[in-house]
Amino acid sequence: MTRWRPNTTNLRLLLLGALGGSVWACGGQTEDCTNGDPACADGSNASGGNPAGGSNTDGATGGTSSGGTLSTPVSAPGCTDPVHRTEGVETGTFSCAEGYVHRAVATTCPNNLPRPETVDLPSDGAVVVDECTTDAECPERADCVAKITIGCPGGPAQVRICVPGCVEDSDCAENELCLCGTDIGTCVTTSPIAGCKSDADCGSGLMCLQNSETGDVTYPQFACQLPADECDSASDCGDPSQFQCKLWPDESGRVCGPVPTCGRPFLIEDEARKAEPITSPDWLTASAEIRLTDLQVPTDPTLREKLAAHWTEIGLMEHASVAAFARFTLQLLSLGAPFDLVDASQRAALDEVRHAELAFALASRYAGHSIGPGPLPLTGALDASSVEAILRTTVREGCVGETRAALEASCAADTCEDPTVRSVLRTIAADEARHAELAWRVVRFIVTAHPEMATVLVEEFGFLEHQEKQLATGEPAIERNRFGMLGPESLERCHGEAYRDVIAPCARTLLALAAAA
């Protein structure tokens, strides 16, 4: 029997079915509407929007700003070949060749609103929300943006809404700064570790850069360079498919570490908790060893070390996912969830036990010694128990994390030449797809029972769109590999497809169903 494979089409249909969203089940692809058609886009062709602010690809570097004549940016370690982020305007922020932003000083951003032109709708489809036709109809410091919100069939639904902007840091939340753009600024996040709003917040000779990722956060935040930094970006860490540059709570600076396979993270206050690896045979079971009898172990010691680190990280994440589902079951019980949701959560936890078992077995075989998880820190795990907190966690851990996990494992399996590893990856992919389906069902259950939570969904998926839209969606060459580790282009493409072809269509459908309730 051929195993069901969670490619983008199969997974999108599975998740839309979980939402009861067959009306919009094409999610951007039918006989009359194919991917790439502007009429069915998920907002990337929006007109009238503000192009500035918070981009993953924004970078900046060197120089200071005092207004008036444009300063000359100067290259410095960590920020080379700087250019003014807003062409022809002195804003104190610079784009670095490394791909991130350097904010030298905090200044007042340009405010070219209201723009005189009318903001046209992207297509002739139905209009779900129509707040404005020009900036003048929006509150002060907000621009009128039009975008597609729901895919085909029957023509796209769309909105024309007012999006708040900023001109100074004081316009934003305490943990945000106002990043200047062409027409107005955008509030973006500062890091909880060494966070900064300008170079003045950092030590002598150190810069405030938008290159900090912390815990499970995978979008760049502003943080100071630190004397103990081992890297400024993934390019400093060797093979970017295997290592990343991150700022962890228990480190004194940015360090290179293995790239984790995306799964259901165990989030506590937006930090992904996991155990530390230890030398232990406790998770090495006979059943896992039997499945790995024909594993091809490379002779190259450097490659074996990379494979051991890769599967150790996966094992730790799958181990943490057991805790995530244990908490999820308690949360479902607190919400009065029906039997089928609670039962599926319990079964998913057992799936994650098996995934961790297989991952640690692979890591141990590649390393040549026993590897297992140490104690998992649980402090604060049950603190966030409100309906809103449960909904946000389910979106982040399940709707996003598990959906991406399913596609990432499937992509890795497709390019893997070792049949043993390929079988493990396909098992994980199929299980994660069911876990993603459960998450979307639970979110629908919560919003149906608590309609006031629809605004939380708008916030969560709006944030996701802001960050994930920067992912590449091109067609790089398929990177064949023997051991199921995706190269950087394949990994980026897989994540981009997960958002564009699965998460975004399902989010649009869910938001439409919530609005129609």
Protein backbone atom coordinates (compact mmCIF):
# COMPACT_ATOMS: atom_id res chain seq x y z
CA MET A 1 0.00 0.00 0.00
CA THR A 2 1.32 3.46 -0.91
CA ARG A 3 1.74 5.66 2.14
CA TRP A 4 -0.14 8.96 2.11
CA ARG A 5 2.37 11.76 1.55
CA PRO A 6 1.87 15.24 3.02
CA ASN A 7 2.81 17.36 0.01
CA THR A 8 1.39 20.88 -0.13
CA THR A 9 -1.77 19.88 -2.01
CA ASN A 10 -2.60 16.86 0.15
CA LEU A 11 -1.88 18.71 3.38
CA ARG A 12 -3.88 21.79 2.35
CA LEU A 13 -6.91 19.65 1.53
CA LEU A 14 -6.54 17.70 4.78
CA LEU A 15 -6.42 20.87 6.88
CA LEU A 16 -9.20 22.64 4.99
CA GLY A 17 -11.32 19.56 5.53
CA ALA A 18 -10.56 19.77 9.26
CA LEU A 19 -11.89 23.33 9.19
CA GLY A 20 -15.02 22.35 7.32
CA GLY A 21 -13.78 24.75 4.66
CA SER A 22 -14.58 22.84 1.49
CA VAL A 23 -16.12 26.01 0.04
CA TRP A 24 -12.62 27.47 -0.21
CA ALA A 25 -10.80 24.16 -0.47
CA CYS A 26 -8.87 25.14 -3.57
CA GLY A 27 -6.80 27.48 -1.41
CA GLY A 28 -5.43 29.14 -4.55
CA GLN A 29 -5.63 26.33 -7.09
CA THR A 30 -8.61 25.18 -9.21
CA GLU A 31 -9.30 24.76 -12.90
CA ASP A 32 -9.90 28.50 -13.12
CA CYS A 33 -7.32 29.61 -10.56
CA THR A 34 -3.74 28.41 -10.34
CA ASN A 35 -0.88 29.31 -8.06
CA GLY A 36 0.79 32.49 -9.20
CA ASP A 37 -2.42 34.02 -10.59
CA PRO A 38 -2.67 37.52 -9.06
CA ALA A 39 -6.41 37.08 -8.66
CA CYS A 40 -5.80 34.23 -6.23
CA ALA A 41 -2.71 35.46 -4.47
CA ASP A 42 -2.58 35.61 -0.68
CA GLY A 43 -1.77 39.26 -0.48
CA SER A 44 1.70 39.48 -2.02
CA ASN A 45 0.33 41.63 -4.85
CA ALA A 46 -1.50 44.03 -2.52
CA SER A 47 -1.63 47.55 -3.84
CA GLY A 48 -1.36 50.74 -1.87
CA GLY A 49 0.51 49.09 1.00
CA ASN A 50 3.50 50.40 2.85
CA PRO A 51 6.56 48.56 1.51
CA ALA A 52 8.74 49.36 4.46
CA GLY A 53 9.34 47.96 7.88
CA GLY A 54 10.28 44.74 9.60
CA SER A 55 11.43 42.71 6.62
CA ASN A 56 13.45 39.54 7.24
CA THR A 57 15.76 40.66 4.46
CA ASP A 58 16.27 44.19 5.74
CA GLY A 59 19.80 44.92 6.84
CA ALA A 60 21.73 47.93 8.02
CA THR A 61 25.08 49.16 9.02
CA GLY A 62 27.58 51.81 9.91
CA GLY A 63 27.36 55.53 10.54
CA THR A 64 25.42 57.92 12.70
CA SER A 65 22.62 60.33 11.91
CA SER A 66 22.01 63.89 12.96
CA GLY A 67 19.51 65.06 10.32
CA GLY A 68 20.07 67.42 7.41
CA THR A 69 22.87 66.30 5.09
CA LEU A 70 22.99 62.55 4.58
CA SER A 71 25.75 60.91 6.59
CA THR A 72 28.21 58.58 4.89
CA PRO A 73 27.76 55.02 6.18
CA VAL A 74 30.99 53.32 7.24
CA SER A 75 31.64 49.59 7.18
CA ALA A 76 32.29 47.96 10.54
CA PRO A 77 32.63 44.37 11.78
CA GLY A 78 29.16 42.84 11.65
CA CYS A 79 27.83 45.40 9.17
CA THR A 80 29.65 45.83 5.86
CA ASP A 81 28.82 47.86 2.75
CA PRO A 82 26.07 49.83 4.54
CA VAL A 83 23.52 51.90 2.67
CA HIS A 84 20.78 54.19 3.91
CA ARG A 85 17.71 52.04 4.43
CA THR A 86 15.36 54.76 3.15
CA GLU A 87 16.89 56.17 -0.03
CA GLY A 88 17.70 59.85 0.20
CA VAL A 89 16.42 60.19 3.78
CA GLU A 90 18.47 60.37 7.00
CA THR A 91 16.73 57.99 9.42
CA GLY A 92 19.66 56.61 11.40
CA THR A 93 19.14 53.09 10.01
CA PHE A 94 21.28 51.33 7.45
CA SER A 95 21.05 48.11 5.43
CA CYS A 96 24.06 45.83 5.84
CA ALA A 97 25.47 43.48 3.23
CA GLU A 98 24.90 40.68 5.77
CA GLY A 99 21.14 41.07 5.27
CA TYR A 100 20.00 42.83 8.41
CA VAL A 101 19.49 46.36 9.74
CA HIS A 102 21.80 48.50 11.84
CA ARG A 103 20.01 51.20 13.81
CA ALA A 104 22.67 53.70 14.77
CA VAL A 105 20.40 56.33 16.30
CA ALA A 106 16.71 56.81 16.95
CA THR A 107 15.25 59.55 14.77
CA THR A 108 11.85 60.81 13.68
CA CYS A 109 10.66 58.88 10.64
CA PRO A 110 9.25 60.51 7.51
CA ASN A 111 5.47 60.72 7.41
CA ASN A 112 4.20 61.09 3.85
CA LEU A 113 0.65 60.20 4.79
CA PRO A 114 -1.97 60.76 3.70
CA ARG A 115 -1.03 59.93 0.12
CA PRO A 116 -3.40 61.52 -2.38
CA GLU A 117 -3.97 58.52 -4.62
CA THR A 118 -6.88 56.12 -4.30
CA VAL A 119 -6.04 52.60 -3.19
CA ASP A 120 -7.56 50.20 -5.71
CA LEU A 121 -8.76 46.74 -4.83
CA PRO A 122 -6.60 43.94 -6.27
CA SER A 123 -9.41 42.25 -8.21
CA ASP A 124 -13.15 42.14 -8.93
CA GLY A 125 -13.84 39.65 -6.14
CA ALA A 126 -16.09 40.09 -3.10
CA VAL A 127 -15.05 42.68 -0.52
CA VAL A 128 -15.20 41.36 3.06
CA VAL A 129 -14.05 44.54 4.83
CA ASP A 130 -13.85 47.98 3.20
CA GLU A 131 -12.65 50.60 5.67
CA CYS A 132 -11.07 53.06 3.28
CA THR A 133 -10.30 54.11 -0.27
CA THR A 134 -7.57 56.63 0.58
CA ASP A 135 -5.23 57.30 3.49
CA ALA A 136 -7.30 60.35 4.38
CA GLU A 137 -10.12 58.06 5.54
CA CYS A 138 -7.82 56.33 8.06
CA PRO A 139 -6.79 57.51 11.53
CA GLU A 140 -3.72 59.70 11.78
CA ARG A 141 -0.49 57.84 10.92
CA ALA A 142 -2.29 54.91 9.29
CA ASP A 143 -2.27 54.02 5.61
CA CYS A 144 -4.95 52.36 3.52
CA VAL A 145 -3.91 48.88 2.35
CA ALA A 146 -5.78 46.52 0.02
CA LYS A 147 -5.14 42.79 -0.05
CA ILE A 148 -6.61 39.40 -0.91
CA THR A 149 -7.83 37.45 2.13
CA ILE A 150 -9.61 34.35 0.80
CA GLY A 151 -8.74 32.16 -2.18
CA CYS A 152 -10.86 30.59 -4.88
CA PRO A 153 -13.29 29.33 -6.09
CA GLY A 154 -15.99 31.94 -6.66
CA GLY A 155 -13.50 34.77 -6.94
CA PRO A 156 -11.21 36.02 -4.18
CA ALA A 157 -12.49 37.86 -1.15
CA GLN A 158 -10.50 40.94 -0.25
CA VAL A 159 -10.16 43.70 2.32
CA ARG A 160 -9.22 47.36 2.24
CA ILE A 161 -8.16 48.32 5.74
CA CYS A 162 -6.28 50.98 7.69
CA VAL A 163 -2.87 49.81 8.97
CA PRO A 164 -1.28 51.80 11.85
CA GLY A 165 2.17 53.34 11.36
CA CYS A 166 4.61 55.22 13.58
CA VAL A 167 7.09 58.10 13.40
CA GLU A 168 8.85 57.72 16.76
CA ASP A 169 9.64 54.90 19.18
CA SER A 170 7.15 56.36 21.63
CA ASP A 171 4.38 55.42 19.18
CA CYS A 172 5.21 51.73 19.70
CA ALA A 173 5.06 49.27 22.59
CA GLU A 174 7.85 49.19 25.17
CA ASN A 175 9.49 46.16 23.52
CA GLU A 176 9.29 47.70 20.03
CA LEU A 177 10.96 50.43 18.03
CA CYS A 178 9.76 52.46 15.06
CA LEU A 179 11.65 51.30 11.96
CA CYS A 180 11.42 54.02 9.31
CA GLY A 181 10.08 53.32 5.84
CA THR A 182 9.45 55.30 2.68
CA ASP A 183 6.01 56.62 3.66
CA ILE A 184 5.95 56.05 7.42
CA GLY A 185 7.53 53.81 10.05
CA THR A 186 6.53 50.35 11.28
CA CYS A 187 6.72 49.06 14.87
CA VAL A 188 9.11 46.06 15.08
CA THR A 189 10.25 43.93 18.00
CA THR A 190 13.36 44.24 20.15
CA SER A 191 14.98 41.15 21.63
CA PRO A 192 14.23 40.07 25.23
CA ILE A 193 17.98 39.41 25.49
CA ALA A 194 20.29 42.42 25.02
CA GLY A 195 17.47 44.28 23.27
CA CYS A 196 18.22 47.76 21.97
CA LYS A 197 16.71 50.69 20.11
CA SER A 198 19.98 52.34 19.03
CA ASP A 199 23.75 52.00 19.43
CA ALA A 200 23.51 54.15 22.57
CA ASP A 201 21.92 51.17 24.34
CA CYS A 202 24.98 49.02 23.60
CA GLY A 203 28.56 49.05 24.86
CA SER A 204 31.36 51.10 23.32
CA GLY A 205 31.96 50.14 19.70
CA LEU A 206 29.00 47.72 19.64
CA MET A 207 26.04 48.10 17.29
CA CYS A 208 22.30 47.63 17.58
CA LEU A 209 21.43 45.08 14.85
CA GLN A 210 18.25 43.39 13.69
CA ASN A 211 19.88 39.96 13.66
CA SER A 212 18.82 38.39 16.95
CA GLU A 213 16.80 35.20 17.10
CA THR A 214 16.07 33.81 20.56
CA GLY A 215 14.67 30.46 21.65
CA ASP A 216 12.13 29.31 19.08
CA VAL A 217 11.79 32.80 17.59
CA THR A 218 12.74 32.60 13.92
CA TYR A 219 12.24 36.23 12.95
CA PRO A 220 14.94 38.88 13.50
CA GLN A 221 14.75 41.21 16.49
CA PHE A 222 16.93 44.17 17.41
CA ALA A 223 19.68 43.35 19.91
CA CYS A 224 23.13 44.68 20.79
CA GLN A 225 26.25 43.03 19.56
CA LEU A 226 27.89 41.34 22.54
CA PRO A 227 31.63 40.92 23.25
CA ALA A 228 31.18 37.14 23.45
CA ASP A 229 29.41 36.85 20.06
CA GLU A 230 30.80 33.97 18.01
CA CYS A 231 28.77 34.96 14.95
CA ASP A 232 26.62 37.72 13.47
CA SER A 233 24.69 35.58 10.97
CA ALA A 234 24.35 31.99 9.78
CA SER A 235 27.01 32.66 7.14
CA ASP A 236 29.56 32.79 9.97
CA CYS A 237 28.67 29.24 11.05
CA GLY A 238 29.81 27.21 8.06
CA ASP A 239 27.13 25.09 6.40
CA PRO A 240 23.89 27.13 6.85
CA SER A 241 21.82 24.00 6.25
CA GLN A 242 23.16 22.53 9.48
CA PHE A 243 24.05 25.48 11.71
CA GLN A 244 22.48 28.80 12.67
CA CYS A 245 23.52 31.86 14.69
CA LYS A 246 21.26 32.44 17.71
CA LEU A 247 21.17 34.30 21.00
CA TRP A 248 20.11 31.87 23.73
CA PRO A 249 19.06 32.80 27.29
CA ASP A 250 21.89 30.77 28.86
CA GLU A 251 24.66 32.12 26.61
CA SER A 252 26.73 35.30 26.95
CA GLY A 253 26.62 35.97 23.21
CA ARG A 254 25.43 34.70 19.85
CA VAL A 255 26.61 31.16 19.14
CA CYS A 256 26.44 28.71 16.27
CA GLY A 257 24.22 25.71 16.85
CA PRO A 258 22.51 22.94 14.88
CA VAL A 259 19.51 23.88 12.77
CA PRO A 260 16.46 22.18 14.30
CA THR A 261 13.89 20.41 12.23
CA CYS A 262 10.65 22.33 12.66
CA GLY A 263 8.19 20.50 14.88
CA ARG A 264 5.73 21.21 17.66
CA PRO A 265 7.83 23.33 20.03
CA PHE A 266 7.17 23.33 23.77
CA LEU A 267 6.66 27.07 24.19
CA ILE A 268 6.74 28.79 27.58
CA GLU A 269 6.54 32.60 27.35
CA ASP A 270 7.56 32.33 23.67
CA GLU A 271 10.71 30.37 24.56
CA ALA A 272 11.08 26.85 23.19
CA ARG A 273 12.00 24.61 26.11
CA LYS A 274 13.90 21.39 25.60
CA ALA A 275 16.19 19.11 27.57
CA GLU A 276 19.96 19.02 27.28
CA PRO A 277 21.52 15.97 25.60
CA ILE A 278 23.29 13.49 27.86
CA THR A 279 25.11 10.18 27.44
CA SER A 280 22.36 7.71 28.24
CA PRO A 281 20.92 4.50 26.75
CA ASP A 282 17.50 5.07 28.34
CA TRP A 283 15.81 6.06 25.06
CA LEU A 284 17.52 3.41 22.94
CA THR A 285 14.90 0.70 22.49
CA ALA A 286 14.95 -2.64 20.75
CA SER A 287 12.18 -1.62 18.34
CA ALA A 288 14.15 1.41 17.16
CA GLU A 289 17.31 -0.64 16.72
CA ILE A 290 15.45 -3.17 14.57
CA ARG A 291 14.22 -0.41 12.25
CA LEU A 292 17.78 0.90 11.87
CA THR A 293 19.46 -2.43 11.08
CA ASP A 294 20.34 -1.39 7.51
CA LEU A 295 21.35 2.20 8.33
CA GLN A 296 24.21 3.46 6.16
CA VAL A 297 26.77 5.04 8.51
CA PRO A 298 29.29 7.24 6.62
CA THR A 299 33.01 6.71 7.09
CA ASP A 300 33.79 10.45 7.13
CA PRO A 301 34.06 11.42 10.84
CA THR A 302 33.11 15.06 10.17
CA LEU A 303 29.91 14.01 8.40
CA ARG A 304 29.10 11.51 11.17
CA GLU A 305 29.48 14.31 13.74
CA LYS A 306 27.11 16.58 11.78
CA LEU A 307 24.55 13.79 11.42
CA ALA A 308 24.75 13.00 15.13
CA ALA A 309 24.24 16.68 16.03
CA HIS A 310 21.35 16.97 13.55
CA TRP A 311 19.43 13.97 14.90
CA THR A 312 20.23 14.81 18.51
CA GLU A 313 18.55 18.20 18.00
CA ILE A 314 15.55 16.53 16.35
CA GLY A 315 15.36 14.05 19.22
CA LEU A 316 15.36 16.84 21.81
CA MET A 317 12.59 18.69 19.96
CA GLU A 318 10.47 15.55 19.62
CA HIS A 319 11.06 14.81 23.30
CA ALA A 320 9.85 18.33 24.15
CA SER A 321 6.82 17.78 21.92
CA VAL A 322 5.70 15.01 24.27
CA ALA A 323 5.42 17.65 27.00
CA ALA A 324 3.69 20.04 24.59
CA PHE A 325 0.96 17.49 23.91
CA ALA A 326 0.66 16.55 27.59
CA ARG A 327 -0.04 20.21 28.33
CA PHE A 328 -2.31 20.42 25.29
CA THR A 329 -4.46 17.60 26.66
CA LEU A 330 -4.86 19.44 29.97
CA GLN A 331 -5.78 22.61 28.09
CA LEU A 332 -8.40 20.78 26.05
CA LEU A 333 -9.92 19.37 29.22
CA SER A 334 -10.04 22.87 30.71
CA LEU A 335 -11.96 24.06 27.62
CA GLY A 336 -14.50 21.25 27.83
CA ALA A 337 -13.33 19.84 24.50
CA PRO A 338 -15.12 16.81 23.04
CA PHE A 339 -13.79 13.26 23.26
CA ASP A 340 -12.32 13.11 19.76
CA LEU A 341 -10.01 16.10 20.33
CA VAL A 342 -8.76 14.86 23.70
CA ASP A 343 -8.25 11.33 22.33
CA ALA A 344 -6.29 12.65 19.33
CA SER A 345 -4.07 14.73 21.61
CA GLN A 346 -3.21 11.71 23.74
CA ARG A 347 -2.39 9.65 20.64
CA ALA A 348 -0.24 12.46 19.26
CA ALA A 349 1.86 12.46 22.45
CA LEU A 350 2.61 8.77 21.88
CA ASP A 351 3.60 9.56 18.29
CA GLU A 352 6.12 12.07 19.59
CA VAL A 353 7.55 9.48 21.99
CA ARG A 354 8.21 7.22 18.99
CA HIS A 355 9.73 10.08 16.99
CA ALA A 356 12.13 10.89 19.83
CA GLU A 357 12.97 7.21 20.19
CA LEU A 358 13.91 6.95 16.50
CA ALA A 359 15.82 10.26 16.46
CA PHE A 360 17.97 9.35 19.47
CA ALA A 361 18.64 5.93 17.95
CA LEU A 362 19.88 7.57 14.74
CA ALA A 363 21.96 10.11 16.67
CA SER A 364 23.54 7.35 18.76
CA ARG A 365 24.38 5.21 15.73
CA TYR A 366 26.05 8.14 13.97
CA ALA A 367 27.88 9.28 17.13
CA GLY A 368 29.04 5.80 18.11
CA HIS A 369 27.78 6.15 21.69
CA SER A 370 24.45 6.42 23.50
CA ILE A 371 22.65 9.77 23.37
CA GLY A 372 19.45 10.66 25.19
CA PRO A 373 17.62 13.59 26.81
CA GLY A 374 18.31 14.98 30.26
CA PRO A 375 15.63 16.55 32.49
CA LEU A 376 13.15 18.86 30.76
CA PRO A 377 12.65 22.21 32.56
CA LEU A 378 8.93 22.78 33.21
CA THR A 379 8.84 25.97 35.30
CA GLY A 380 5.90 28.09 34.17
CA ALA A 381 4.55 25.46 31.77
CA LEU A 382 0.98 25.79 33.03
CA ASP A 383 0.97 29.49 33.87
CA ALA A 384 -0.80 30.60 30.67
CA SER A 385 -4.19 28.92 30.94
CA SER A 386 -6.65 31.52 29.64
CA VAL A 387 -8.64 30.83 26.49
CA GLU A 388 -6.61 33.46 24.62
CA ALA A 389 -3.29 31.98 25.76
CA ILE A 390 -4.36 28.48 24.74
CA LEU A 391 -5.49 29.74 21.34
CA ARG A 392 -2.23 31.59 20.68
CA THR A 393 -0.14 28.60 21.74
CA THR A 394 -2.17 26.25 19.55
CA VAL A 395 -1.70 28.50 16.51
CA ARG A 396 2.05 28.78 17.06
CA GLU A 397 2.84 25.23 18.19
CA GLY A 398 0.29 23.42 16.06
CA CYS A 399 -1.08 25.34 13.09
CA VAL A 400 2.33 26.73 12.19
CA GLY A 401 4.85 24.40 13.85
CA GLU A 402 3.23 21.07 12.99
CA THR A 403 2.27 22.12 9.45
CA ARG A 404 5.82 23.14 8.71
CA ALA A 405 7.13 20.00 10.43
CA ALA A 406 5.05 17.75 8.19
CA LEU A 407 6.25 19.40 5.00
CA GLU A 408 9.86 19.65 6.15
CA ALA A 409 10.04 15.96 6.97
CA SER A 410 8.35 15.14 3.67
CA CYS A 411 10.78 17.35 1.73
CA ALA A 412 13.73 15.74 3.50
CA ALA A 413 12.41 12.26 2.74
CA ASP A 414 11.99 13.09 -0.96
CA THR A 415 15.68 13.93 -1.31
CA CYS A 416 17.06 11.23 1.01
CA GLU A 417 18.93 8.33 -0.59
CA ASP A 418 19.30 6.20 2.56
CA PRO A 419 16.14 4.02 2.62
CA THR A 420 16.26 3.62 6.40
CA VAL A 421 16.37 7.36 7.11
CA ARG A 422 13.81 7.98 4.36
CA SER A 423 11.40 5.57 6.07
CA VAL A 424 11.85 7.35 9.42
CA LEU A 425 11.25 10.74 7.81
CA ARG A 426 8.09 9.57 6.06
CA THR A 427 6.75 8.16 9.32
CA ILE A 428 7.38 11.51 11.03
CA ALA A 429 5.85 13.45 8.10
CA ALA A 430 2.60 11.47 8.13
CA ASP A 431 2.26 11.76 11.92
CA GLU A 432 2.98 15.50 11.95
CA ALA A 433 0.32 16.02 9.28
CA ARG A 434 -2.27 14.46 11.61
CA HIS A 435 -1.01 16.62 14.46
CA ALA A 436 -1.39 19.72 12.28
CA GLU A 437 -4.94 18.65 11.41
CA LEU A 438 -5.71 18.36 15.12
CA ALA A 439 -4.39 21.86 15.79
CA TRP A 440 -6.56 23.46 13.12
CA ARG A 441 -9.61 21.54 14.40
CA VAL A 442 -8.96 22.77 17.93
CA VAL A 443 -8.56 26.38 16.80
CA ARG A 444 -11.89 26.14 14.97
CA PHE A 445 -13.45 24.64 18.12
CA ILE A 446 -12.12 27.48 20.30
CA VAL A 447 -13.26 30.27 17.99
CA THR A 448 -16.69 28.67 17.54
CA ALA A 449 -17.14 28.46 21.31
CA HIS A 450 -15.60 31.90 21.90
CA PRO A 451 -16.35 34.17 18.90
CA GLU A 452 -14.63 37.08 20.63
CA MET A 453 -11.33 35.24 20.03
CA ALA A 454 -11.54 35.91 16.27
CA THR A 455 -9.49 39.09 16.77
CA VAL A 456 -6.69 36.98 18.27
CA LEU A 457 -6.57 34.93 15.07
CA VAL A 458 -6.27 38.11 13.02
CA GLU A 459 -3.29 39.17 15.15
CA GLU A 460 -1.59 35.78 15.02
CA PHE A 461 -1.92 35.22 11.29
CA GLY A 462 -1.24 38.86 10.48
CA PHE A 463 2.08 38.57 12.31
CA LEU A 464 2.87 35.34 10.48
CA GLU A 465 2.19 36.97 7.13
CA HIS A 466 4.51 39.85 7.99
CA GLN A 467 7.40 37.51 8.78
CA GLU A 468 6.90 34.60 6.40
CA LYS A 469 6.24 36.61 3.24
CA GLN A 470 9.97 37.15 2.96
CA LEU A 471 10.69 33.45 2.41
CA ALA A 472 11.82 32.45 -1.06
CA THR A 473 9.24 30.77 -3.28
CA GLY A 474 11.37 30.15 -6.36
CA GLU A 475 12.36 26.87 -7.92
CA PRO A 476 15.97 26.09 -6.91
CA ALA A 477 17.53 22.86 -8.08
CA ILE A 478 16.57 19.82 -6.01
CA GLU A 479 19.45 19.04 -3.66
CA ARG A 480 19.89 15.29 -3.56
CA ASN A 481 21.50 14.01 -0.40
CA ARG A 482 22.13 10.68 1.11
CA PHE A 483 21.09 11.33 4.67
CA GLY A 484 17.93 13.45 4.55
CA MET A 485 19.38 16.81 5.63
CA LEU A 486 17.93 19.64 3.58
CA GLY A 487 20.31 22.22 2.14
CA PRO A 488 19.63 25.92 2.74
CA GLU A 489 17.77 26.57 -0.52
CA SER A 490 15.59 23.48 -0.18
CA LEU A 491 14.82 24.28 3.47
CA GLU A 492 13.88 27.87 2.64
CA ARG A 493 11.76 26.76 -0.28
CA CYS A 494 9.98 24.15 1.86
CA HIS A 495 9.15 26.73 4.53
CA GLY A 496 7.99 29.21 1.90
CA GLU A 497 5.68 26.61 0.34
CA ALA A 498 4.34 25.69 3.78
CA TYR A 499 3.20 29.27 4.30
CA ARG A 500 2.12 30.15 0.76
CA ASP A 501 0.36 26.93 -0.20
CA VAL A 502 -0.93 25.57 3.12
CA ILE A 503 -0.87 27.88 6.15
CA ALA A 504 -2.03 31.05 4.36
CA PRO A 505 -5.00 29.45 2.53
CA CYS A 506 -6.09 27.67 5.72
CA ALA A 507 -5.73 30.87 7.75
CA ARG A 508 -7.83 32.80 5.23
CA THR A 509 -10.51 30.14 5.34
CA LEU A 510 -10.51 30.04 9.14
CA LEU A 511 -10.77 33.84 9.37
CA ALA A 512 -13.63 33.86 6.86
CA LEU A 513 -15.51 31.14 8.75
CA ALA A 514 -15.02 33.03 12.01
CA ALA A 515 -16.27 36.27 10.43
CA ALA A 516 -19.33 34.54 9.02
CA ALA A 517 -20.25 32.91 12.34
